Amino acid sequence: MSYGVSFGEPFRRAGIYAGRILQGAKPSSLPVILETKVELIVNLKTAKSLGMIVPLPLLGRADEVIE
């Protein structure tokens, strides 16, 4: 199970920052943006191999379920 920031989101934000700097913005004037979107990913195959039972409400809230 993983709960955290989307894997591709920081790379997208880095591209946005690079674009702003290339357009002439000073890096010190750019705002620090904290990640607000997090994902819950559940790997059922690994959970079963460890003998864990994942509750259905948790599976219903997961952004991605790997079977």
PDB file of N, CA and C in Angstrom:
ATOM      1  N   MET A   1       0.853  -1.146   0.000  1.00  0.00           N
ATOM      2  CA  MET A   1       0.000   0.000   0.000  1.00  0.00           C
ATOM      3  C   MET A   1       0.914   1.228   0.000  1.00  0.00           C
ATOM      4  N   SER A   2       0.506   2.216  -0.770  1.00  0.00           N
ATOM      5  CA  SER A   2       1.269   3.452  -0.876  1.00  0.00           C
ATOM      6  C   SER A   2       0.308   4.629  -0.803  1.00  0.00           C
ATOM      7  N   TYR A   3       0.661   5.607   0.000  1.00  0.00           N
ATOM      8  CA  TYR A   3      -0.132   6.824   0.113  1.00  0.00           C
ATOM      9  C   TYR A   3       0.828   7.988  -0.014  1.00  0.00           C
ATOM     10  N   GLY A   4       0.732   8.703  -1.111  1.00  0.00           N
ATOM     11  CA  GLY A   4       1.649   9.809  -1.304  1.00  0.00           C
ATOM     12  C   GLY A   4       1.337  10.581  -2.571  1.00  0.00           C
ATOM     13  N   VAL A   5       2.274  11.418  -2.930  1.00  0.00           N
ATOM     14  CA  VAL A   5       2.134  12.289  -4.095  1.00  0.00           C
ATOM     15  C   VAL A   5       2.205  11.455  -5.366  1.00  0.00           C
ATOM     16  N   SER A   6       1.436  11.869  -6.350  1.00  0.00           N
ATOM     17  CA  SER A   6       1.468  11.221  -7.654  1.00  0.00           C
ATOM     18  C   SER A   6       2.892  11.240  -8.197  1.00  0.00           C
ATOM     19  N   PHE A   7       3.320  10.170  -8.842  1.00  0.00           N
ATOM     20  CA  PHE A   7       4.697  10.046  -9.305  1.00  0.00           C
ATOM     21  C   PHE A   7       5.034  11.082 -10.371  1.00  0.00           C
ATOM     22  N   GLY A   8       4.140  11.371 -11.276  1.00  0.00           N
ATOM     23  CA  GLY A   8       4.436  12.282 -12.367  1.00  0.00           C
ATOM     24  C   GLY A   8       4.239  13.749 -12.051  1.00  0.00           C
ATOM     25  N   GLU A   9       3.532  14.055 -10.992  1.00  0.00           N
ATOM     26  CA  GLU A   9       3.214  15.447 -10.658  1.00  0.00           C
ATOM     27  C   GLU A   9       4.448  16.320 -10.408  1.00  0.00           C
ATOM     28  N   PRO A  10       5.448  15.888  -9.642  1.00  0.00           N
ATOM     29  CA  PRO A  10       6.628  16.741  -9.444  1.00  0.00           C
ATOM     30  C   PRO A  10       7.368  17.051 -10.755  1.00  0.00           C
ATOM     31  N   PHE A  11       7.378  16.113 -11.691  1.00  0.00           N
ATOM     32  CA  PHE A  11       8.039  16.365 -12.967  1.00  0.00           C
ATOM     33  C   PHE A  11       7.278  17.404 -13.780  1.00  0.00           C
ATOM     34  N   ARG A  12       5.954  17.357 -13.714  1.00  0.00           N
ATOM     35  CA  ARG A  12       5.142  18.343 -14.413  1.00  0.00           C
ATOM     36  C   ARG A  12       5.380  19.730 -13.831  1.00  0.00           C
ATOM     37  N   ARG A  13       5.423  19.826 -12.516  1.00  0.00           N
ATOM     38  CA  ARG A  13       5.666  21.113 -11.870  1.00  0.00           C
ATOM     39  C   ARG A  13       7.067  21.635 -12.176  1.00  0.00           C
ATOM     40  N   ALA A  14       8.052  20.752 -12.265  1.00  0.00           N
ATOM     41  CA  ALA A  14       9.410  21.181 -12.622  1.00  0.00           C
ATOM     42  C   ALA A  14       9.422  21.788 -14.016  1.00  0.00           C
ATOM     43  N   GLY A  15       8.666  21.227 -14.931  1.00  0.00           N
ATOM     44  CA  GLY A  15       8.564  21.783 -16.275  1.00  0.00           C
ATOM     45  C   GLY A  15       7.918  23.157 -16.279  1.00  0.00           C
ATOM     46  N   ILE A  16       6.908  23.328 -15.444  1.00  0.00           N
ATOM     47  CA  ILE A  16       6.249  24.633 -15.337  1.00  0.00           C
ATOM     48  C   ILE A  16       7.219  25.674 -14.795  1.00  0.00           C
ATOM     49  N   TYR A  17       7.969  25.324 -13.752  1.00  0.00           N
ATOM     50  CA  TYR A  17       8.956  26.242 -13.192  1.00  0.00           C
ATOM     51  C   TYR A  17      10.038  26.575 -14.217  1.00  0.00           C
ATOM     52  N   ALA A  18      10.526  25.569 -14.937  1.00  0.00           N
ATOM     53  CA  ALA A  18      11.552  25.802 -15.949  1.00  0.00           C
ATOM     54  C   ALA A  18      11.034  26.747 -17.034  1.00  0.00           C
ATOM     55  N   GLY A  19       9.791  26.571 -17.444  1.00  0.00           N
ATOM     56  CA  GLY A  19       9.199  27.449 -18.441  1.00  0.00           C
ATOM     57  C   GLY A  19       9.112  28.884 -17.960  1.00  0.00           C
ATOM     58  N   ARG A  20       8.738  29.067 -16.708  1.00  0.00           N
ATOM     59  CA  ARG A  20       8.648  30.427 -16.159  1.00  0.00           C
ATOM     60  C   ARG A  20      10.022  31.082 -16.086  1.00  0.00           C
ATOM     61  N   ILE A  21      11.034  30.307 -15.698  1.00  0.00           N
ATOM     62  CA  ILE A  21      12.395  30.853 -15.616  1.00  0.00           C
ATOM     63  C   ILE A  21      12.900  31.209 -17.011  1.00  0.00           C
ATOM     64  N   LEU A  22      12.618  30.369 -17.987  1.00  0.00           N
ATOM     65  CA  LEU A  22      13.050  30.657 -19.352  1.00  0.00           C
ATOM     66  C   LEU A  22      12.328  31.874 -19.939  1.00  0.00           C
ATOM     67  N   GLN A  23      11.163  32.185 -19.430  1.00  0.00           N
ATOM     68  CA  GLN A  23      10.432  33.367 -19.890  1.00  0.00           C
ATOM     69  C   GLN A  23      10.872  34.631 -19.166  1.00  0.00           C
ATOM     70  N   GLY A  24      11.827  34.505 -18.234  1.00  0.00           N
ATOM     71  CA  GLY A  24      12.406  35.682 -17.592  1.00  0.00           C
ATOM     72  C   GLY A  24      12.070  35.887 -16.134  1.00  0.00           C
ATOM     73  N   ALA A  25      11.309  35.003 -15.538  1.00  0.00           N
ATOM     74  CA  ALA A  25      10.974  35.159 -14.123  1.00  0.00           C
ATOM     75  C   ALA A  25      12.197  34.844 -13.264  1.00  0.00           C
ATOM     76  N   LYS A  26      12.327  35.571 -12.172  1.00  0.00           N
ATOM     77  CA  LYS A  26      13.424  35.302 -11.243  1.00  0.00           C
ATOM     78  C   LYS A  26      13.053  34.089 -10.391  1.00  0.00           C
ATOM     79  N   PRO A  27      13.957  33.143 -10.240  1.00  0.00           N
ATOM     80  CA  PRO A  27      13.642  31.956  -9.424  1.00  0.00           C
ATOM     81  C   PRO A  27      13.244  32.307  -7.993  1.00  0.00           C
ATOM     82  N   SER A  28      13.808  33.375  -7.444  1.00  0.00           N
ATOM     83  CA  SER A  28      13.478  33.749  -6.063  1.00  0.00           C
ATOM     84  C   SER A  28      12.057  34.300  -5.941  1.00  0.00           C
ATOM     85  N   SER A  29      11.471  34.730  -7.053  1.00  0.00           N
ATOM     86  CA  SER A  29      10.119  35.280  -6.993  1.00  0.00           C
ATOM     87  C   SER A  29       9.034  34.224  -7.236  1.00  0.00           C
ATOM     88  N   LEU A  30       9.442  33.030  -7.630  1.00  0.00           N
ATOM     89  CA  LEU A  30       8.462  31.977  -7.883  1.00  0.00           C
ATOM     90  C   LEU A  30       7.952  31.406  -6.560  1.00  0.00           C
ATOM     91  N   PRO A  31       6.660  31.159  -6.461  1.00  0.00           N
ATOM     92  CA  PRO A  31       6.118  30.627  -5.212  1.00  0.00           C
ATOM     93  C   PRO A  31       6.470  29.151  -5.020  1.00  0.00           C
ATOM     94  N   VAL A  32       6.554  28.761  -3.765  1.00  0.00           N
ATOM     95  CA  VAL A  32       6.735  27.349  -3.431  1.00  0.00           C
ATOM     96  C   VAL A  32       5.351  26.733  -3.377  1.00  0.00           C
ATOM     97  N   ILE A  33       5.130  25.728  -4.196  1.00  0.00           N
ATOM     98  CA  ILE A  33       3.813  25.101  -4.263  1.00  0.00           C
ATOM     99  C   ILE A  33       3.900  23.726  -3.603  1.00  0.00           C
ATOM    100  N   LEU A  34       3.113  23.539  -2.574  1.00  0.00           N
ATOM    101  CA  LEU A  34       3.067  22.249  -1.893  1.00  0.00           C
ATOM    102  C   LEU A  34       2.091  21.335  -2.614  1.00  0.00           C
ATOM    103  N   GLU A  35       2.405  20.079  -2.630  1.00  0.00           N
ATOM    104  CA  GLU A  35       1.531  19.101  -3.271  1.00  0.00           C
ATOM    105  C   GLU A  35       0.259  18.939  -2.447  1.00  0.00           C
ATOM    106  N   THR A  36      -0.855  19.001  -3.119  1.00  0.00           N
ATOM    107  CA  THR A  36      -2.132  18.836  -2.430  1.00  0.00           C
ATOM    108  C   THR A  36      -2.858  17.582  -2.887  1.00  0.00           C
ATOM    109  N   LYS A  37      -2.438  17.016  -4.006  1.00  0.00           N
ATOM    110  CA  LYS A  37      -3.088  15.813  -4.510  1.00  0.00           C
ATOM    111  C   LYS A  37      -2.256  14.595  -4.106  1.00  0.00           C
ATOM    112  N   VAL A  38      -2.857  13.714  -3.366  1.00  0.00           N
ATOM    113  CA  VAL A  38      -2.184  12.480  -2.973  1.00  0.00           C
ATOM    114  C   VAL A  38      -2.992  11.295  -3.500  1.00  0.00           C
ATOM    115  N   GLU A  39      -2.324  10.187  -3.672  1.00  0.00           N
ATOM    116  CA  GLU A  39      -2.963   8.979  -4.195  1.00  0.00           C
ATOM    117  C   GLU A  39      -2.799   7.832  -3.208  1.00  0.00           C
ATOM    118  N   LEU A  40      -3.796   6.977  -3.178  1.00  0.00           N
ATOM    119  CA  LEU A  40      -3.734   5.740  -2.401  1.00  0.00           C
ATOM    120  C   LEU A  40      -3.725   4.591  -3.391  1.00  0.00           C
ATOM    121  N   ILE A  41      -2.669   3.796  -3.343  1.00  0.00           N
ATOM    122  CA  ILE A  41      -2.524   2.648  -4.238  1.00  0.00           C
ATOM    123  C   ILE A  41      -2.411   1.397  -3.375  1.00  0.00           C
ATOM    124  N   VAL A  42      -3.213   0.399  -3.695  1.00  0.00           N
ATOM    125  CA  VAL A  42      -3.221  -0.854  -2.937  1.00  0.00           C
ATOM    126  C   VAL A  42      -2.834  -1.993  -3.872  1.00  0.00           C
ATOM    127  N   ASN A  43      -1.857  -2.791  -3.454  1.00  0.00           N
ATOM    128  CA  ASN A  43      -1.430  -3.962  -4.214  1.00  0.00           C
ATOM    129  C   ASN A  43      -2.013  -5.196  -3.526  1.00  0.00           C
ATOM    130  N   LEU A  44      -3.077  -5.746  -4.110  1.00  0.00           N
ATOM    131  CA  LEU A  44      -3.759  -6.882  -3.490  1.00  0.00           C
ATOM    132  C   LEU A  44      -2.930  -8.161  -3.539  1.00  0.00           C
ATOM    133  N   LYS A  45      -2.160  -8.346  -4.599  1.00  0.00           N
ATOM    134  CA  LYS A  45      -1.350  -9.554  -4.724  1.00  0.00           C
ATOM    135  C   LYS A  45      -0.321  -9.636  -3.593  1.00  0.00           C
ATOM    136  N   THR A  46       0.332  -8.510  -3.316  1.00  0.00           N
ATOM    137  CA  THR A  46       1.311  -8.489  -2.228  1.00  0.00           C
ATOM    138  C   THR A  46       0.626  -8.646  -0.877  1.00  0.00           C
ATOM    139  N   ALA A  47      -0.526  -8.016  -0.703  1.00  0.00           N
ATOM    140  CA  ALA A  47      -1.253  -8.136   0.559  1.00  0.00           C
ATOM    141  C   ALA A  47      -1.643  -9.590   0.826  1.00  0.00           C
ATOM    142  N   LYS A  48      -2.105 -10.279  -0.214  1.00  0.00           N
ATOM    143  CA  LYS A  48      -2.474 -11.693  -0.042  1.00  0.00           C
ATOM    144  C   LYS A  48      -1.264 -12.549   0.286  1.00  0.00           C
ATOM    145  N   SER A  49      -0.118 -12.265  -0.364  1.00  0.00           N
ATOM    146  CA  SER A  49       1.074 -13.071  -0.101  1.00  0.00           C
ATOM    147  C   SER A  49       1.590 -12.849   1.319  1.00  0.00           C
ATOM    148  N   LEU A  50       1.294 -11.679   1.907  1.00  0.00           N
ATOM    149  CA  LEU A  50       1.685 -11.407   3.290  1.00  0.00           C
ATOM    150  C   LEU A  50       0.627 -11.841   4.295  1.00  0.00           C
ATOM    151  N   GLY A  51      -0.502 -12.339   3.786  1.00  0.00           N
ATOM    152  CA  GLY A  51      -1.571 -12.807   4.660  1.00  0.00           C
ATOM    153  C   GLY A  51      -2.432 -11.683   5.212  1.00  0.00           C
ATOM    154  N   MET A  52      -2.417 -10.537   4.556  1.00  0.00           N
ATOM    155  CA  MET A  52      -3.206  -9.399   5.013  1.00  0.00           C
ATOM    156  C   MET A  52      -4.557  -9.372   4.309  1.00  0.00           C
ATOM    157  N   ILE A  53      -5.547  -8.898   5.003  1.00  0.00           N
ATOM    158  CA  ILE A  53      -6.878  -8.716   4.424  1.00  0.00           C
ATOM    159  C   ILE A  53      -7.143  -7.215   4.365  1.00  0.00           C
ATOM    160  N   VAL A  54      -7.389  -6.721   3.173  1.00  0.00           N
ATOM    161  CA  VAL A  54      -7.646  -5.292   2.978  1.00  0.00           C
ATOM    162  C   VAL A  54      -9.159  -5.073   3.035  1.00  0.00           C
ATOM    163  N   PRO A  55      -9.631  -4.231   3.943  1.00  0.00           N
ATOM    164  CA  PRO A  55     -11.076  -3.991   4.064  1.00  0.00           C
ATOM    165  C   PRO A  55     -11.663  -3.358   2.793  1.00  0.00           C
ATOM    166  N   LEU A  56     -12.893  -3.732   2.474  1.00  0.00           N
ATOM    167  CA  LEU A  56     -13.559  -3.204   1.281  1.00  0.00           C
ATOM    168  C   LEU A  56     -13.703  -1.682   1.276  1.00  0.00           C
ATOM    169  N   PRO A  57     -14.009  -1.044   2.412  1.00  0.00           N
ATOM    170  CA  PRO A  57     -14.089   0.426   2.373  1.00  0.00           C
ATOM    171  C   PRO A  57     -12.769   1.083   1.969  1.00  0.00           C
ATOM    172  N   LEU A  58     -11.657   0.478   2.370  1.00  0.00           N
ATOM    173  CA  LEU A  58     -10.351   1.006   1.988  1.00  0.00           C
ATOM    174  C   LEU A  58     -10.114   0.827   0.495  1.00  0.00           C
ATOM    175  N   LEU A  59     -10.514  -0.312  -0.039  1.00  0.00           N
ATOM    176  CA  LEU A  59     -10.376  -0.549  -1.477  1.00  0.00           C
ATOM    177  C   LEU A  59     -11.248   0.417  -2.274  1.00  0.00           C
ATOM    178  N   GLY A  60     -12.405   0.752  -1.727  1.00  0.00           N
ATOM    179  CA  GLY A  60     -13.298   1.684  -2.398  1.00  0.00           C
ATOM    180  C   GLY A  60     -12.736   3.091  -2.470  1.00  0.00           C
ATOM    181  N   ARG A  61     -11.902   3.456  -1.529  1.00  0.00           N
ATOM    182  CA  ARG A  61     -11.311   4.802  -1.510  1.00  0.00           C
ATOM    183  C   ARG A  61      -9.993   4.870  -2.274  1.00  0.00           C
ATOM    184  N   ALA A  62      -9.443   3.735  -2.655  1.00  0.00           N
ATOM    185  CA  ALA A  62      -8.143   3.714  -3.327  1.00  0.00           C
ATOM    186  C   ALA A  62      -8.263   4.321  -4.732  1.00  0.00           C
ATOM    187  N   ASP A  63      -7.229   5.065  -5.119  1.00  0.00           N
ATOM    188  CA  ASP A  63      -7.169   5.623  -6.469  1.00  0.00           C
ATOM    189  C   ASP A  63      -6.813   4.556  -7.493  1.00  0.00           C
ATOM    190  N   GLU A  64      -6.016   3.581  -7.054  1.00  0.00           N
ATOM    191  CA  GLU A  64      -5.605   2.495  -7.945  1.00  0.00           C
ATOM    192  C   GLU A  64      -5.485   1.207  -7.127  1.00  0.00           C
ATOM    193  N   VAL A  65      -6.000   0.125  -7.680  1.00  0.00           N
ATOM    194  CA  VAL A  65      -5.894  -1.194  -7.038  1.00  0.00           C
ATOM    195  C   VAL A  65      -5.174  -2.110  -8.017  1.00  0.00           C
ATOM    196  N   ILE A  66      -4.049  -2.651  -7.562  1.00  0.00           N
ATOM    197  CA  ILE A  66      -3.269  -3.584  -8.379  1.00  0.00           C
ATOM    198  C   ILE A  66      -3.633  -4.988  -7.937  1.00  0.00           C
ATOM    199  N   GLU A  67      -4.086  -5.797  -8.911  1.00  0.00           N
ATOM    200  CA  GLU A  67      -4.537  -7.150  -8.555  1.00  0.00           C
ATOM    201  C   GLU A  67      -3.530  -8.191  -8.889  1.00  0.00           C
TER     202      GLU A  67
END
